[in-house]
Amino acid sequence: MMNGYGMGLGMGFGWLWMIVILVLVGLAIAALVKYLRK
C-alpha cells in the first residue's frame, strides 16, 4: 500500500489498477496454459 497520498489516489485509481492487474494476470495465466498444453 502507498503511504501519504495513497488514500486520495487510492479511492480513484485503486480499483482501476486492481482491474488492470487482474486482467494482466489472467492473460499471463491463459498464455502459460496455452504454452504448456502445446
Protein backbone atom coordinates (compact mmCIF):
# COMPACT_ATOMS: atom_id res chain seq x y z
CA MET A 1 0.00 0.00 0.00
CA MET A 2 1.14 3.52 -0.72
CA ASN A 3 1.57 5.95 2.15
CA GLY A 4 0.76 9.68 2.12
CA TYR A 5 -1.48 10.30 -0.88
CA GLY A 6 -2.44 6.64 -1.08
CA MET A 7 -5.91 7.41 0.27
CA GLY A 8 -6.50 10.23 -2.22
CA LEU A 9 -5.39 8.39 -5.36
CA GLY A 10 -6.36 5.02 -3.90
CA MET A 11 -10.05 5.89 -3.99
CA GLY A 12 -9.87 6.97 -7.64
CA PHE A 13 -7.25 4.68 -9.16
CA GLY A 14 -7.15 1.79 -6.68
CA TRP A 15 -9.97 -0.14 -8.33
CA LEU A 16 -8.70 0.75 -11.81
CA TRP A 17 -5.21 -0.58 -11.09
CA MET A 18 -6.74 -3.66 -9.45
CA ILE A 19 -8.71 -4.39 -12.63
CA VAL A 20 -5.65 -3.80 -14.83
CA ILE A 21 -3.50 -6.10 -12.68
CA LEU A 22 -6.19 -8.80 -12.65
CA VAL A 23 -6.50 -8.61 -16.45
CA LEU A 24 -2.73 -8.85 -16.92
CA VAL A 25 -2.51 -11.80 -14.53
CA GLY A 26 -5.41 -13.50 -16.31
CA LEU A 27 -3.76 -13.05 -19.70
CA ALA A 28 -0.43 -14.32 -18.35
CA ILE A 29 -2.09 -17.44 -16.91
CA ALA A 30 -4.01 -18.05 -20.15
CA ALA A 31 -0.81 -17.71 -22.20
CA LEU A 32 1.02 -20.04 -19.82
CA VAL A 33 -1.74 -22.65 -20.05
CA LYS A 34 -1.70 -22.46 -23.86
CA TYR A 35 2.10 -22.79 -23.86
CA LEU A 36 2.05 -25.79 -21.51
CA ARG A 37 -0.69 -27.56 -23.49
CA LYS A 38 1.33 -27.41 -26.72
